[in-house]
Amino acid sequence: MKRITTFAIAALVGVALAGCATVPTAEEEFQAAQSALSLHIQTLSGEDYGGREPGTEGGRKTQQYLVDALQSYGFQPGAVDSEGEPDWRQKVTLVRSVPDQATINFPSGRSIADADVMVRMSGSELSIKDSRITVFAPGAPAPPDGSQNGRVAVVFGDAFFSGDARSLSDAGFDAIIILFEDEAQFERAQGFYRDGRWVLEGDADAAVMPYVLVSPAGSRVFAGGLTQSLESMRSLATGRDNGEWQYRNPLSITASATIERAETANVIGKLPGKVRDSGAVLLLAHWDHLGICGPEGAVDRLCNGAVDNASGIGVMLETARRISKEGGLDRDLYVMGTTAEELGLVGAEVFASDPPFPLPTIVAAFNMDTVAIAPRGSAATVIGWGRTPLDKGISEVIASIGAKLDVKEEHQQFVRRQDGWALLSRDVPAVLVSSSFGDEAAFQAFLGGPYHRPNDEWSPDMELGGATDDIFLHIALLHHFGSVTEYQPGED
């Protein structure tokens, strides 16, 4: 059977429903919305979309899917191009530094190079000359911020995974050298940096402390360069009161990397409101996922991202379609598929730092992320509860449709880990309202199972009940916050 890969088939479902002679019942509407949602997820998490990695053909195909969908619903372009003209896409340029050659040199003439050393860094060239050495024992406290210029920190392999190495980053070292004694540990650490990490071009905050990973064989050479063994180096550091041993003779590090660029975009559509200058409401969901993420040699290496976050995109699109079919809202409705969320909310940050319309005009923003988890009838929660003026209205809307609200403080740990944070941190009232947490066992099973793995795939019997509930909940939320008579900022 030919795989479904285009939005056109989803549109046919809507046309068929629209042609029915009788008014659909609530249950028929639910089933139709669930079918549309399932089709969105099946398509976007399919093999043809390649895991929706930004900068790839699958990523570009996903952007076009969003544009085609919103255009078919009657939306207008919601972004602007470099000339100030309307555009569906807000462009985002990513860069990454892919490690190449690296060498550590000692005054004695010893050196470590080739396969025995890898350097993670921000730019294309690194040159550290005559930097003195501080060896840290496991668990040693970090020196004061900015106090270690002209020195390199040396830690042992376990510190890479425990976070001890990261805690040294603010001390001002020229680099952090990690010595590995276990080959499997070294290879695992290399895996984090081998392909580099995409960051926003020109983002000064994306600069990283150089991490120098040294193989077990190279680590023995390193210790010899200090006229020590690995065991004696650790003992010397452990024996000091502050857990650090300072070595006077310097070393030098040179490294190169290949800089790669990728073009991606947020996709933004606008449904103009009926009341001029009454503000806007915003729906957003990230369209990106991880692409190829399984280990080499695995039968299935593609991370399809069905739940995370084809399901959020599906809920967003079906909500947008139904609102448009009703004739829209008093306020402008913007719908945005963000890019590069998995890289650290990059697309949402680009939107928030350079919005195509003024952020203060947004009276409410609703993010949708990882929603196809809980069954129908599950309670909704609010990520961002207590941080916006929306709480009262959300509570009233949920009660009015006979749904349940269950806000738990432990769920607020996710507030900084979702795209809404880029807006909320700039005082835009943005929340994530979702049924995903309504079945705690199912939620934890997803995080401990398919999350960011190749088996996050669409299936005909995947749980879509709670996600379909979320469609109708967000329609109700938009009716409330998109209405100038139902909601005016400052009144709640």
Protein backbone atom coordinates (compact mmCIF):
# COMPACT_ATOMS: atom_id res chain seq x y z
CA MET A 1 0.00 0.00 0.00
CA LYS A 2 1.39 3.43 -0.91
CA ARG A 3 2.45 5.41 2.17
CA ILE A 4 0.43 8.57 2.93
CA THR A 5 2.83 11.49 2.56
CA THR A 6 0.88 14.59 1.61
CA PHE A 7 -1.48 16.98 3.30
CA ALA A 8 -3.94 16.67 0.42
CA ILE A 9 -5.42 13.47 1.83
CA ALA A 10 -6.07 15.18 5.17
CA ALA A 11 -7.87 17.96 3.31
CA LEU A 12 -10.11 15.38 1.62
CA VAL A 13 -11.23 14.17 5.05
CA GLY A 14 -12.37 17.70 5.90
CA VAL A 15 -14.15 18.09 2.59
CA ALA A 16 -15.98 14.81 3.06
CA LEU A 17 -17.13 15.81 6.52
CA ALA A 18 -18.23 19.23 5.31
CA GLY A 19 -20.39 17.57 2.70
CA CYS A 20 -22.46 15.64 5.21
CA ALA A 21 -26.13 16.57 5.06
CA THR A 22 -26.68 16.25 8.82
CA VAL A 23 -25.04 18.15 11.67
CA PRO A 24 -22.41 15.89 13.26
CA THR A 25 -22.94 14.87 16.87
CA ALA A 26 -20.33 15.70 19.52
CA GLU A 27 -19.06 12.13 19.33
CA GLU A 28 -18.79 12.30 15.55
CA GLU A 29 -16.88 15.56 15.85
CA PHE A 30 -14.52 13.94 18.36
CA GLN A 31 -13.90 10.96 16.10
CA ALA A 32 -13.34 13.21 13.07
CA ALA A 33 -10.84 15.34 15.00
CA GLN A 34 -9.06 12.23 16.24
CA SER A 35 -8.82 10.86 12.69
CA ALA A 36 -7.39 14.15 11.42
CA LEU A 37 -4.91 14.20 14.28
CA SER A 38 -3.83 10.64 13.60
CA LEU A 39 -3.26 11.44 9.93
CA HIS A 40 -1.10 14.46 10.78
CA ILE A 41 1.01 12.34 13.12
CA GLN A 42 1.28 9.44 10.67
CA THR A 43 2.44 11.75 7.90
CA LEU A 44 4.88 13.91 9.84
CA SER A 45 6.49 10.98 11.65
CA GLY A 46 6.76 8.93 8.46
CA GLU A 47 9.99 7.79 6.88
CA ASP A 48 9.66 10.43 4.14
CA TYR A 49 10.11 13.20 6.71
CA GLY A 50 13.38 11.76 7.99
CA GLY A 51 12.86 12.63 11.64
CA ARG A 52 12.25 16.34 10.82
CA GLU A 53 15.79 17.47 11.61
CA PRO A 54 16.32 21.20 10.89
CA GLY A 55 18.44 21.89 7.84
CA THR A 56 17.56 18.59 6.13
CA GLU A 57 15.19 17.72 3.31
CA GLY A 58 12.82 16.28 5.91
CA GLY A 59 12.89 19.58 7.77
CA ARG A 60 12.13 21.55 4.61
CA LYS A 61 9.33 19.14 3.76
CA THR A 62 7.84 19.67 7.21
CA GLN A 63 7.88 23.43 6.77
CA GLN A 64 6.05 23.09 3.48
CA TYR A 65 3.49 20.78 5.08
CA LEU A 66 2.71 23.50 7.62
CA VAL A 67 2.50 26.20 4.97
CA ASP A 68 0.18 24.11 2.79
CA ALA A 69 -2.05 23.28 5.75
CA LEU A 70 -2.41 26.83 7.03
CA GLN A 71 -2.93 28.19 3.53
CA SER A 72 -5.70 25.65 2.90
CA TYR A 73 -7.40 26.78 6.13
CA GLY A 74 -7.51 30.40 4.92
CA PHE A 75 -4.59 31.76 6.94
CA GLN A 76 -2.27 34.47 5.64
CA PRO A 77 1.52 34.63 5.97
CA GLY A 78 2.35 35.74 9.50
CA ALA A 79 6.07 36.49 9.14
CA VAL A 80 7.97 39.02 7.05
CA ASP A 81 10.98 38.59 4.77
CA SER A 82 14.16 40.68 4.71
CA GLU A 83 12.36 43.29 2.58
CA GLY A 84 9.48 43.58 5.02
CA GLU A 85 7.08 41.68 2.76
CA PRO A 86 4.67 39.02 4.11
CA ASP A 87 6.21 35.56 4.32
CA TRP A 88 5.24 32.20 5.75
CA ARG A 89 8.73 31.60 7.09
CA GLN A 90 10.86 33.36 9.67
CA LYS A 91 14.34 32.26 8.67
CA VAL A 92 16.77 30.80 11.19
CA THR A 93 20.44 30.08 10.42
CA LEU A 94 22.19 27.44 12.48
CA VAL A 95 25.91 26.74 12.70
CA ARG A 96 27.93 23.94 14.22
CA SER A 97 31.60 23.27 14.79
CA VAL A 98 32.56 19.69 13.85
CA PRO A 99 35.84 18.57 15.50
CA ASP A 100 38.75 17.94 13.17
CA GLN A 101 42.46 17.76 14.13
CA ALA A 102 43.83 18.41 17.63
CA THR A 103 47.23 18.22 19.36
CA ILE A 104 48.46 18.64 22.93
CA ASN A 105 52.14 19.59 23.23
CA PHE A 106 54.40 19.54 26.29
CA PRO A 107 57.70 21.47 26.61
CA SER A 108 59.46 18.12 26.96
CA GLY A 109 58.55 17.31 23.36
CA ARG A 110 55.80 14.81 24.19
CA SER A 111 52.59 15.23 22.21
CA ILE A 112 49.14 13.70 21.93
CA ALA A 113 47.30 13.85 18.61
CA ASP A 114 45.16 12.09 16.00
CA ALA A 115 42.66 9.55 17.37
CA ASP A 116 43.79 10.09 20.97
CA VAL A 117 42.35 13.58 21.35
CA MET A 118 39.12 15.36 20.38
CA VAL A 119 38.30 18.99 21.11
CA ARG A 120 34.81 20.42 21.37
CA MET A 121 34.90 24.15 20.67
CA SER A 122 32.89 26.98 19.14
CA GLY A 123 34.99 28.25 16.24
CA SER A 124 37.15 26.79 13.51
CA GLU A 125 40.54 27.30 15.18
CA LEU A 126 41.85 26.97 18.73
CA SER A 127 45.33 27.93 19.91
CA ILE A 128 46.23 27.81 23.59
CA LYS A 129 49.87 28.54 24.37
CA ASP A 130 51.81 27.98 27.57
CA SER A 131 48.81 27.35 29.79
CA ARG A 132 49.57 26.01 33.26
CA ILE A 133 47.83 22.96 34.66
CA THR A 134 45.49 22.40 37.61
CA VAL A 135 44.48 18.79 38.28
CA PHE A 136 41.19 18.35 40.18
CA ALA A 137 40.29 15.40 42.38
CA PRO A 138 36.79 13.94 41.96
CA GLY A 139 34.24 16.15 43.73
CA ALA A 140 36.65 19.06 44.26
CA PRO A 141 34.94 22.48 44.55
CA ALA A 142 35.22 24.85 41.59
CA PRO A 143 37.44 27.92 41.97
CA PRO A 144 35.82 31.39 41.98
CA ASP A 145 34.38 32.61 38.68
CA GLY A 146 36.93 34.16 36.34
CA SER A 147 39.91 33.35 38.55
CA GLN A 148 41.74 30.83 36.36
CA ASN A 149 42.81 32.63 33.18
CA GLY A 150 46.03 31.21 31.78
CA ARG A 151 45.39 27.76 33.21
CA VAL A 152 43.78 24.54 31.98
CA ALA A 153 41.74 22.30 34.25
CA VAL A 154 42.40 18.57 34.21
CA VAL A 155 39.74 16.15 35.46
CA PHE A 156 39.16 12.43 35.17
CA GLY A 157 36.58 10.62 33.03
CA ASP A 158 33.85 10.27 35.64
CA ALA A 159 33.73 14.06 36.00
CA PHE A 160 32.48 14.32 32.42
CA PHE A 161 29.32 12.38 33.19
CA SER A 162 28.79 13.56 36.79
CA GLY A 163 28.76 17.24 35.87
CA ASP A 164 31.92 18.10 37.83
CA ALA A 165 33.66 19.19 34.63
CA ARG A 166 30.77 21.47 33.71
CA SER A 167 30.93 23.12 37.14
CA LEU A 168 34.43 24.40 36.29
CA SER A 169 33.29 26.25 33.16
CA ASP A 170 32.76 29.62 34.85
CA ALA A 171 36.17 29.69 36.55
CA GLY A 172 37.82 31.12 33.41
CA PHE A 173 40.06 28.21 32.42
CA ASP A 174 41.51 28.23 28.92
CA ALA A 175 40.14 24.71 28.46
CA ILE A 176 39.00 21.66 30.41
CA ILE A 177 40.94 18.46 29.72
CA ILE A 178 39.21 15.17 30.52
CA LEU A 179 41.46 12.13 30.96
CA PHE A 180 39.78 8.77 30.35
CA GLU A 181 40.99 5.45 31.67
CA ASP A 182 38.15 3.39 30.21
CA GLU A 183 37.88 3.02 26.42
CA ALA A 184 34.10 2.60 26.40
CA GLN A 185 33.71 5.77 28.49
CA PHE A 186 35.95 7.68 26.06
CA GLU A 187 34.00 6.51 23.02
CA ARG A 188 30.71 7.41 24.67
CA ALA A 189 31.97 10.92 25.47
CA GLN A 190 33.21 11.34 21.90
CA GLY A 191 29.72 10.47 20.68
CA PHE A 192 28.33 13.64 22.28
CA TYR A 193 30.65 15.89 20.26
CA ARG A 194 31.65 14.02 17.11
CA ASP A 195 29.07 15.76 14.91
CA GLY A 196 29.13 19.10 16.71
CA ARG A 197 26.02 20.84 18.04
CA TRP A 198 23.80 23.21 16.09
CA VAL A 199 23.48 26.69 17.60
CA LEU A 200 22.04 29.97 16.35
CA GLU A 201 24.47 31.84 14.10
CA GLY A 202 25.82 34.93 15.80
CA ASP A 203 24.63 33.93 19.27
CA ALA A 204 27.43 35.00 21.63
CA ASP A 205 25.83 33.01 24.44
CA ALA A 206 26.33 29.82 22.41
CA ALA A 207 30.13 29.98 22.78
CA VAL A 208 31.36 26.97 24.74
CA MET A 209 34.31 26.22 26.94
CA PRO A 210 36.76 24.02 24.98
CA TYR A 211 36.53 20.42 26.20
CA VAL A 212 39.57 18.30 25.37
CA LEU A 213 38.77 14.57 25.47
CA VAL A 214 41.85 12.34 25.77
CA SER A 215 41.83 8.58 25.12
CA PRO A 216 43.15 6.10 27.71
CA ALA A 217 46.38 5.71 25.73
CA GLY A 218 46.68 9.47 25.36
CA SER A 219 45.91 9.95 29.05
CA ARG A 220 48.90 7.80 29.98
CA VAL A 221 51.07 9.91 27.71
CA PHE A 222 49.60 13.05 29.34
CA ALA A 223 50.50 11.77 32.81
CA GLY A 224 54.00 11.00 31.60
CA GLY A 225 54.31 14.55 30.36
CA LEU A 226 53.86 15.61 33.97
CA THR A 227 56.37 12.92 35.07
CA GLN A 228 53.52 11.17 36.83
CA SER A 229 51.11 8.26 36.44
CA LEU A 230 47.33 8.69 36.33
CA GLU A 231 47.08 7.14 39.77
CA SER A 232 49.67 9.48 41.30
CA MET A 233 48.05 12.54 39.67
CA ARG A 234 44.75 11.65 41.27
CA SER A 235 46.42 11.02 44.62
CA LEU A 236 48.29 14.34 44.53
CA ALA A 237 45.04 16.22 43.89
CA THR A 238 43.06 14.23 46.47
CA GLY A 239 45.70 14.92 49.12
CA ARG A 240 45.30 18.69 48.88
CA ASP A 241 42.82 20.46 51.14
CA ASN A 242 40.95 21.99 48.20
CA GLY A 243 41.25 18.89 46.01
CA GLU A 244 43.49 20.49 43.37
CA TRP A 245 47.13 20.02 42.42
CA GLN A 246 48.82 22.76 40.45
CA TYR A 247 51.64 21.90 38.04
CA ARG A 248 53.98 24.72 37.05
CA ASN A 249 55.21 23.60 33.64
CA PRO A 250 52.83 24.69 30.82
CA LEU A 251 51.33 22.92 27.85
CA SER A 252 49.90 24.06 24.51
CA ILE A 253 46.81 22.94 22.60
CA THR A 254 45.99 23.48 18.95
CA ALA A 255 42.81 22.31 17.25
CA SER A 256 40.74 22.86 14.13
CA ALA A 257 37.11 22.27 13.27
CA THR A 258 34.85 22.46 10.24
CA ILE A 259 32.08 25.06 10.46
CA GLU A 260 28.79 23.93 8.90
CA ARG A 261 25.65 25.99 8.34
CA ALA A 262 22.00 24.98 8.01
CA GLU A 263 19.00 27.07 6.99
CA THR A 264 15.70 26.40 8.72
CA ALA A 265 12.65 28.44 9.69
CA ASN A 266 9.71 29.04 11.97
CA VAL A 267 6.45 28.78 9.99
CA ILE A 268 3.92 31.45 10.98
CA GLY A 269 0.36 31.93 9.77
CA LYS A 270 -2.16 34.64 10.63
CA LEU A 271 -5.96 34.56 10.72
CA PRO A 272 -6.99 38.23 10.97
CA GLY A 273 -9.41 39.06 13.73
CA LYS A 274 -12.80 40.72 13.41
CA VAL A 275 -12.01 43.58 15.83
CA ARG A 276 -9.20 45.81 14.67
CA ASP A 277 -6.34 46.53 17.07
CA SER A 278 -7.71 44.20 19.75
CA GLY A 279 -4.52 42.20 20.14
CA ALA A 280 -3.65 38.62 19.28
CA VAL A 281 -3.66 35.07 20.56
CA LEU A 282 -0.93 32.63 19.59
CA LEU A 283 -0.74 28.86 19.17
CA LEU A 284 2.71 27.34 18.87
CA ALA A 285 4.27 23.90 18.66
CA HIS A 286 7.73 22.82 17.60
CA TRP A 287 7.91 20.91 14.33
CA ASP A 288 11.49 19.66 14.62
CA HIS A 289 12.85 16.39 15.92
CA LEU A 290 16.20 14.56 16.01
CA GLY A 291 16.57 12.92 12.60
CA ILE A 292 18.96 9.96 12.81
CA CYS A 293 19.59 9.31 16.49
CA GLY A 294 19.93 5.55 16.98
CA PRO A 295 23.37 3.99 17.53
CA GLU A 296 25.40 2.86 14.54
CA GLY A 297 24.58 -0.68 13.54
CA ALA A 298 21.04 -0.56 14.96
CA VAL A 299 18.25 -1.92 12.77
CA ASP A 300 16.22 1.29 13.24
CA ARG A 301 18.16 4.53 13.69
CA LEU A 302 15.46 7.04 12.70
CA CYS A 303 13.86 9.05 15.49
CA ASN A 304 10.40 9.63 14.00
CA GLY A 305 9.09 11.87 16.79
CA ALA A 306 5.44 10.83 16.63
CA VAL A 307 4.50 11.93 20.14
CA ASP A 308 7.33 14.47 20.37
CA ASN A 309 6.14 16.49 18.60
CA ALA A 310 4.13 15.47 15.55
CA SER A 311 1.25 15.13 18.00
CA GLY A 312 1.59 18.75 19.17
CA ILE A 313 1.69 19.96 15.56
CA GLY A 314 -1.38 17.87 14.78
CA VAL A 315 -3.35 19.32 17.71
CA MET A 316 -2.30 22.83 16.72
CA LEU A 317 -3.31 22.40 13.07
CA GLU A 318 -6.67 20.79 13.77
CA THR A 319 -7.45 23.51 16.33
CA ALA A 320 -6.51 26.18 13.78
CA ARG A 321 -8.60 24.52 11.06
CA ARG A 322 -11.70 24.42 13.21
CA ILE A 323 -11.35 28.02 14.40
CA SER A 324 -10.96 29.19 10.82
CA LYS A 325 -13.97 27.13 9.73
CA GLU A 326 -16.03 28.90 12.42
CA GLY A 327 -15.06 32.28 10.96
CA GLY A 328 -12.20 33.26 13.24
CA LEU A 329 -11.97 35.28 16.45
CA ASP A 330 -12.27 38.89 17.51
CA ARG A 331 -8.51 38.98 17.92
CA ASP A 332 -5.88 38.00 15.40
CA LEU A 333 -4.92 34.34 15.64
CA TYR A 334 -1.30 33.48 14.93
CA VAL A 335 -0.23 29.87 14.51
CA MET A 336 3.48 29.07 14.62
CA GLY A 337 5.47 25.90 14.06
CA THR A 338 8.85 26.55 15.65
CA THR A 339 12.16 25.08 14.56
CA ALA A 340 15.12 23.81 16.59
CA GLU A 341 13.31 23.38 19.90
CA GLU A 342 15.32 20.24 20.50
CA LEU A 343 18.51 22.35 20.26
CA GLY A 344 17.43 24.59 23.12
CA LEU A 345 14.25 26.48 22.16
CA VAL A 346 16.22 28.18 19.36
CA GLY A 347 13.31 28.93 17.00
CA ALA A 348 11.13 30.28 19.80
CA GLU A 349 14.00 32.48 20.97
CA VAL A 350 14.44 33.86 17.46
CA PHE A 351 10.73 34.67 17.30
CA ALA A 352 10.75 36.31 20.74
CA SER A 353 13.88 38.38 20.07
CA ASP A 354 12.77 39.51 16.58
CA PRO A 355 8.98 39.16 16.43
CA PRO A 356 7.14 39.94 13.17
CA PHE A 357 4.50 41.73 15.25
CA PRO A 358 4.79 43.38 18.69
CA LEU A 359 4.99 40.90 21.57
CA PRO A 360 2.88 43.11 23.89
CA THR A 361 -0.11 42.61 21.57
CA ILE A 362 -0.22 38.90 22.52
CA VAL A 363 -2.87 38.54 25.22
CA ALA A 364 -2.42 34.76 25.50
CA ALA A 365 -0.09 32.15 23.99
CA PHE A 366 -0.60 28.38 24.18
CA ASN A 367 2.22 25.96 23.50
CA MET A 368 1.54 22.33 22.49
CA ASP A 369 4.23 19.74 23.07
CA THR A 370 4.25 15.93 23.45
CA VAL A 371 0.50 15.56 23.86
CA ALA A 372 -0.41 12.06 22.61
CA ILE A 373 0.01 10.22 25.91
CA ALA A 374 -3.02 10.19 28.21
CA PRO A 375 -6.43 8.62 27.49
CA ARG A 376 -9.66 10.48 26.84
CA GLY A 377 -11.10 12.19 29.89
CA SER A 378 -7.75 12.75 31.60
CA ALA A 379 -7.29 15.89 33.67
CA ALA A 380 -5.47 18.83 32.12
CA THR A 381 -2.64 20.67 33.78
CA VAL A 382 -1.04 24.05 33.12
CA ILE A 383 2.71 24.47 32.77
CA GLY A 384 3.30 28.08 33.76
CA TRP A 385 0.55 28.10 36.39
CA GLY A 386 0.83 31.09 38.73
CA ARG A 387 3.09 32.98 36.34
CA THR A 388 0.52 34.70 34.10
CA PRO A 389 -2.87 36.44 34.44
CA LEU A 390 -4.48 33.58 32.48
CA ASP A 391 -5.11 31.18 35.37
CA LYS A 392 -8.61 32.35 36.24
CA GLY A 393 -9.82 32.27 32.63
CA ILE A 394 -8.28 28.84 32.04
CA SER A 395 -9.99 27.46 35.14
CA GLU A 396 -13.34 28.87 34.04
CA VAL A 397 -13.00 27.50 30.52
CA ILE A 398 -12.06 24.02 31.72
CA ALA A 399 -15.02 23.98 34.10
CA SER A 400 -17.40 25.24 31.40
CA ILE A 401 -16.69 22.29 29.10
CA GLY A 402 -16.90 19.73 31.89
CA ALA A 403 -13.19 18.90 31.86
CA LYS A 404 -10.88 18.46 34.84
CA LEU A 405 -7.96 20.60 35.97
CA ASP A 406 -5.19 19.14 38.12
CA VAL A 407 -2.16 21.38 38.63
CA LYS A 408 0.80 19.84 40.42
CA GLU A 409 3.89 21.77 41.44
CA GLU A 410 6.22 18.99 40.29
CA HIS A 411 5.03 19.51 36.72
CA GLN A 412 6.31 23.10 36.79
CA GLN A 413 9.86 21.78 36.39
CA PHE A 414 9.07 21.70 32.67
CA VAL A 415 8.32 25.43 32.40
CA ARG A 416 11.84 26.29 31.18
CA ARG A 417 12.06 23.22 28.95
CA GLN A 418 9.35 24.18 26.45
CA ASP A 419 9.01 26.88 23.81
CA GLY A 420 6.59 28.95 25.87
CA TRP A 421 9.49 29.92 28.12
CA ALA A 422 10.99 32.11 25.39
CA LEU A 423 7.81 34.19 25.59
CA LEU A 424 7.11 33.89 29.30
CA SER A 425 10.62 35.08 30.14
CA ARG A 426 9.78 38.25 28.20
CA ASP A 427 6.54 38.83 30.12
CA VAL A 428 4.27 37.43 27.42
CA PRO A 429 1.47 35.38 29.03
CA ALA A 430 2.37 31.95 27.67
CA VAL A 431 1.36 28.57 29.08
CA LEU A 432 1.22 24.93 28.07
CA VAL A 433 -2.21 23.45 28.75
CA SER A 434 -2.17 19.69 28.25
CA SER A 435 -3.69 16.37 29.22
CA SER A 436 -0.27 14.68 28.90
CA PHE A 437 0.29 14.69 32.65
CA GLY A 438 -3.22 13.39 33.34
CA ASP A 439 -1.98 9.80 33.38
CA GLU A 440 1.24 9.95 35.38
CA ALA A 441 2.14 6.31 34.76
CA ALA A 442 1.77 6.72 30.99
CA PHE A 443 3.76 9.95 31.05
CA GLN A 444 6.64 8.41 32.99
CA ALA A 445 6.54 5.33 30.75
CA PHE A 446 6.95 7.56 27.71
CA LEU A 447 9.87 9.48 29.23
CA GLY A 448 11.57 6.25 30.23
CA GLY A 449 10.76 4.51 26.95
CA PRO A 450 10.16 5.98 23.46
CA TYR A 451 11.15 9.56 24.34
CA HIS A 452 13.94 10.64 21.94
CA ARG A 453 14.31 7.09 20.67
CA PRO A 454 13.52 5.40 17.35
CA ASN A 455 10.39 3.71 18.74
CA ASP A 456 8.50 7.01 19.14
CA GLU A 457 6.46 6.02 16.09
CA TRP A 458 2.90 6.32 14.85
CA SER A 459 0.69 3.26 15.09
CA PRO A 460 -3.02 2.80 14.28
CA ASP A 461 -3.80 2.14 17.94
CA MET A 462 -1.64 4.84 19.55
CA GLU A 463 -3.33 6.70 22.39
CA LEU A 464 -4.94 9.87 21.02
CA GLY A 465 -7.87 10.33 23.39
CA GLY A 466 -6.33 12.97 25.64
CA ALA A 467 -4.72 14.75 22.68
CA THR A 468 -8.09 14.95 20.94
CA ASP A 469 -9.58 16.36 24.13
CA ASP A 470 -6.84 18.99 23.94
CA ILE A 471 -8.08 20.11 20.52
CA PHE A 472 -11.51 20.97 21.87
CA LEU A 473 -10.04 22.45 25.05
CA HIS A 474 -7.88 24.81 23.01
CA ILE A 475 -10.81 25.77 20.82
CA ALA A 476 -12.64 26.76 24.00
CA LEU A 477 -9.60 28.63 25.29
CA LEU A 478 -9.34 30.55 22.02
CA HIS A 479 -13.04 31.40 22.14
CA HIS A 480 -12.46 32.92 25.59
CA PHE A 481 -9.12 34.68 25.20
CA GLY A 482 -9.75 35.57 21.57
CA SER A 483 -12.99 37.40 22.44
CA VAL A 484 -12.92 41.09 23.38
CA THR A 485 -16.12 40.67 25.42
CA GLU A 486 -15.01 37.52 27.24
CA TYR A 487 -11.46 38.62 28.06
CA GLN A 488 -9.67 41.89 28.46
CA PRO A 489 -6.13 41.89 29.90
CA GLY A 490 -6.06 43.27 33.41
CA GLU A 491 -9.67 42.39 34.25
CA ASP A 492 -8.97 38.91 35.68
